[in-house]
Amino acid sequence: MYKLTFSLALICLAHSAAADIDKRRLERIDAAIEQYIADGALAGAVIRVAHRGKVVKHTAYGMADRESGVPMQTDTIFRIASQTKAVVSVAVMMLQERGQLLIDHPLYRYLPEWENTTVAVAAENDTGYEVVPAKRAITIRDLLTHTAGVDYGWSTGKAEWEAAGITGWYFAHHDEPIRE
């Protein structure tokens, strides 16, 4: 059972000037979040929906701290990490929608240095590993679904990651472009 609290920011984008918010669809948000809470998948949530620059829904659900019985408030402060994933995913979907990118394209189409990737394959007797060419190219879909095989330097090649000084590359204290 997860004891998590989520803050969800939902933005409704209208495609025409005549588009309006459907109150029944907003009620479906209530039902979905309340079910997650009832199932124990969420302790609580804050939902904010904006339409044409106006907030049309801002609701707190459940508990900010379930164990202490502290209810969620619309101004509860959350620790939020890895928001680049959400931003990048939306950007990829927008590019896909415009036909400027396909998620099944190989990554090297956009970042050529990723054309000839390799993988570390652990030895059968667990005495090390061998680096071999990847069986296929990494795709944009692989990146979006976290199945590209890029880890944080904690697995098979941990010693090499540490020797290269690239452990912790995902922390914000580094002063280098994200592409690097």
Protein backbone atom coordinates (compact mmCIF):
# COMPACT_ATOMS: atom_id res chain seq x y z
CA MET A 1 0.00 0.00 0.00
CA TYR A 2 1.41 3.38 -0.99
CA LYS A 3 1.30 6.24 1.45
CA LEU A 4 1.67 9.00 -1.08
CA THR A 5 0.31 12.47 -1.44
CA PHE A 6 0.06 13.91 -4.89
CA SER A 7 -0.49 17.40 -6.20
CA LEU A 8 -2.01 17.32 -9.62
CA ALA A 9 -2.14 20.35 -11.84
CA LEU A 10 -4.57 19.90 -14.67
CA ILE A 11 -4.92 22.41 -17.45
CA CYS A 12 -7.81 22.28 -19.86
CA LEU A 13 -6.94 23.72 -23.24
CA ALA A 14 -9.81 24.76 -25.47
CA HIS A 15 -9.41 24.20 -29.21
CA SER A 16 -12.16 26.62 -30.21
CA ALA A 17 -13.65 29.81 -28.88
CA ALA A 18 -16.96 28.02 -28.38
CA ALA A 19 -15.51 25.32 -26.12
CA ASP A 20 -16.83 25.30 -22.55
CA ILE A 21 -16.00 23.30 -19.49
CA ASP A 22 -18.25 20.26 -19.07
CA LYS A 23 -19.23 20.13 -15.38
CA ARG A 24 -19.85 16.36 -15.64
CA ARG A 25 -16.24 15.83 -16.69
CA LEU A 26 -15.05 17.85 -13.71
CA GLU A 27 -17.20 15.63 -11.46
CA ARG A 28 -15.42 12.59 -12.93
CA ILE A 29 -12.18 14.01 -11.52
CA ASP A 30 -13.78 14.06 -8.06
CA ALA A 31 -14.94 10.46 -8.41
CA ALA A 32 -11.55 9.24 -9.65
CA ILE A 33 -9.51 10.96 -6.91
CA GLU A 34 -11.96 9.89 -4.19
CA GLN A 35 -11.69 6.28 -5.42
CA TYR A 36 -7.87 6.42 -5.33
CA ILE A 37 -8.10 7.67 -1.74
CA ALA A 38 -10.68 5.01 -0.78
CA ASP A 39 -8.43 2.32 -2.29
CA GLY A 40 -5.44 3.61 -0.30
CA ALA A 41 -3.48 4.48 -3.45
CA LEU A 42 -3.45 8.16 -2.47
CA ALA A 43 -3.49 9.83 0.91
CA GLY A 44 -4.70 13.07 -0.62
CA ALA A 45 -4.56 15.36 -3.61
CA VAL A 46 -5.08 18.92 -4.71
CA ILE A 47 -6.65 19.48 -8.11
CA ARG A 48 -6.57 22.78 -9.95
CA VAL A 49 -8.17 23.10 -13.36
CA ALA A 50 -7.85 26.30 -15.37
CA HIS A 51 -9.74 27.18 -18.54
CA ARG A 52 -8.98 30.29 -20.59
CA GLY A 53 -6.94 31.72 -17.76
CA LYS A 54 -9.64 31.25 -15.12
CA VAL A 55 -9.59 28.66 -12.36
CA VAL A 56 -12.74 26.57 -12.73
CA LYS A 57 -11.93 23.96 -10.09
CA HIS A 58 -9.58 24.03 -7.11
CA THR A 59 -10.30 21.23 -4.64
CA ALA A 60 -8.46 19.45 -1.84
CA TYR A 61 -9.15 15.78 -1.15
CA GLY A 62 -8.14 13.41 1.64
CA MET A 63 -5.23 13.88 3.98
CA ALA A 64 -1.99 15.83 3.80
CA ASP A 65 -0.72 13.53 6.57
CA ARG A 66 -2.86 10.44 6.95
CA GLU A 67 -1.05 9.15 10.05
CA SER A 68 -1.48 12.45 11.92
CA GLY A 69 -5.00 13.06 10.61
CA VAL A 70 -4.07 16.37 8.97
CA PRO A 71 -6.55 17.13 6.19
CA MET A 72 -5.41 18.29 2.77
CA GLN A 73 -5.84 22.00 2.05
CA THR A 74 -5.78 23.73 -1.33
CA ASP A 75 -2.62 25.55 -0.20
CA THR A 76 -0.80 22.49 1.17
CA ILE A 77 2.88 22.61 0.25
CA PHE A 78 4.29 19.57 -1.59
CA ARG A 79 7.75 18.30 -2.36
CA ILE A 80 7.66 17.77 -6.09
CA ALA A 81 10.52 16.10 -7.94
CA SER A 82 11.21 15.15 -11.54
CA GLN A 83 8.88 17.70 -13.11
CA THR A 84 11.07 17.82 -16.20
CA LYS A 85 9.48 14.46 -17.09
CA ALA A 86 6.02 16.04 -17.21
CA VAL A 87 7.18 19.07 -19.19
CA VAL A 88 9.19 17.02 -21.68
CA SER A 89 6.36 14.51 -22.11
CA VAL A 90 3.90 17.27 -22.96
CA ALA A 91 6.39 18.83 -25.39
CA VAL A 92 6.89 15.45 -27.10
CA MET A 93 3.12 14.95 -27.38
CA MET A 94 2.75 18.42 -28.91
CA LEU A 95 5.52 17.72 -31.45
CA GLN A 96 3.96 14.34 -32.25
CA GLU A 97 0.56 15.99 -32.74
CA ARG A 98 2.13 18.49 -35.17
CA GLY A 99 3.86 15.70 -37.08
CA GLN A 100 7.32 17.03 -36.21
CA LEU A 101 8.35 13.97 -34.24
CA LEU A 102 7.23 10.36 -33.94
CA ILE A 103 7.69 8.61 -30.62
CA ASP A 104 8.80 5.47 -32.42
CA HIS A 105 11.67 7.32 -34.13
CA PRO A 106 15.14 6.39 -32.93
CA LEU A 107 16.67 8.86 -30.48
CA TYR A 108 19.72 9.24 -32.73
CA ARG A 109 17.55 10.96 -35.34
CA TYR A 110 17.53 13.96 -33.00
CA LEU A 111 20.75 13.32 -31.02
CA PRO A 112 23.19 11.63 -33.46
CA GLU A 113 25.66 10.70 -30.71
CA TRP A 114 23.13 8.08 -29.53
CA GLU A 115 23.27 6.06 -32.76
CA ASN A 116 25.64 3.31 -31.64
CA THR A 117 24.60 2.52 -28.09
CA THR A 118 25.92 -0.32 -26.01
CA VAL A 119 24.59 -2.24 -23.03
CA ALA A 120 26.22 -3.91 -20.05
CA VAL A 121 25.27 -7.57 -19.78
CA ALA A 122 25.96 -9.18 -16.42
CA ALA A 123 28.06 -12.34 -16.48
CA GLU A 124 26.25 -15.55 -15.60
CA ASN A 125 28.39 -16.19 -12.54
CA ASP A 126 27.90 -12.59 -11.36
CA THR A 127 31.63 -11.80 -11.61
CA GLY A 128 31.25 -8.73 -13.76
CA TYR A 129 29.77 -7.84 -17.09
CA GLU A 130 30.45 -7.45 -20.77
CA VAL A 131 29.67 -4.38 -22.85
CA VAL A 132 27.97 -5.32 -26.12
CA PRO A 133 26.17 -3.41 -28.89
CA ALA A 134 22.48 -2.83 -28.16
CA LYS A 135 20.12 -5.05 -30.16
CA ARG A 136 18.16 -2.03 -31.36
CA ALA A 137 18.21 1.75 -31.23
CA ILE A 138 16.70 3.63 -28.30
CA THR A 139 13.43 5.30 -29.32
CA ILE A 140 11.67 8.38 -28.01
CA ARG A 141 9.01 5.97 -26.68
CA ASP A 142 11.73 4.17 -24.68
CA LEU A 143 12.70 7.46 -23.05
CA LEU A 144 9.08 8.31 -22.25
CA THR A 145 8.43 4.90 -20.69
CA HIS A 146 11.78 4.68 -18.87
CA THR A 147 12.76 1.56 -20.81
CA ALA A 148 15.81 2.99 -22.60
CA GLY A 149 18.23 1.24 -20.26
CA VAL A 150 19.80 4.44 -18.96
CA ASP A 151 20.13 4.14 -15.21
CA TYR A 152 21.45 6.26 -12.39
CA GLY A 153 24.77 4.49 -12.05
CA TRP A 154 23.71 2.11 -9.31
CA SER A 155 23.66 -1.14 -11.23
CA THR A 156 26.04 -3.26 -13.29
CA GLY A 157 28.58 -0.55 -14.17
CA LYS A 158 28.49 1.32 -10.87
CA ALA A 159 32.28 1.45 -10.46
CA GLU A 160 32.73 2.93 -13.94
CA TRP A 161 30.03 5.55 -13.34
CA GLU A 162 31.80 6.59 -10.15
CA ALA A 163 35.23 6.64 -11.85
CA ALA A 164 33.84 8.84 -14.64
CA GLY A 165 32.32 11.21 -12.07
CA ILE A 166 28.82 10.92 -13.50
CA THR A 167 26.89 9.52 -10.56
CA GLY A 168 24.30 11.98 -9.39
CA TRP A 169 24.10 13.54 -12.87
CA TYR A 170 20.36 14.00 -12.36
CA PHE A 171 20.74 16.44 -9.47
CA ALA A 172 20.30 20.16 -10.10
CA HIS A 173 23.63 21.21 -8.59
CA HIS A 174 25.47 20.49 -11.85
CA ASP A 175 26.35 23.50 -13.97
CA GLU A 176 26.07 22.00 -17.44
CA PRO A 177 23.48 21.94 -20.21
CA ILE A 178 20.87 19.18 -19.87
CA ARG A 179 21.88 17.75 -23.26
CA GLU A 180 25.34 17.03 -21.82
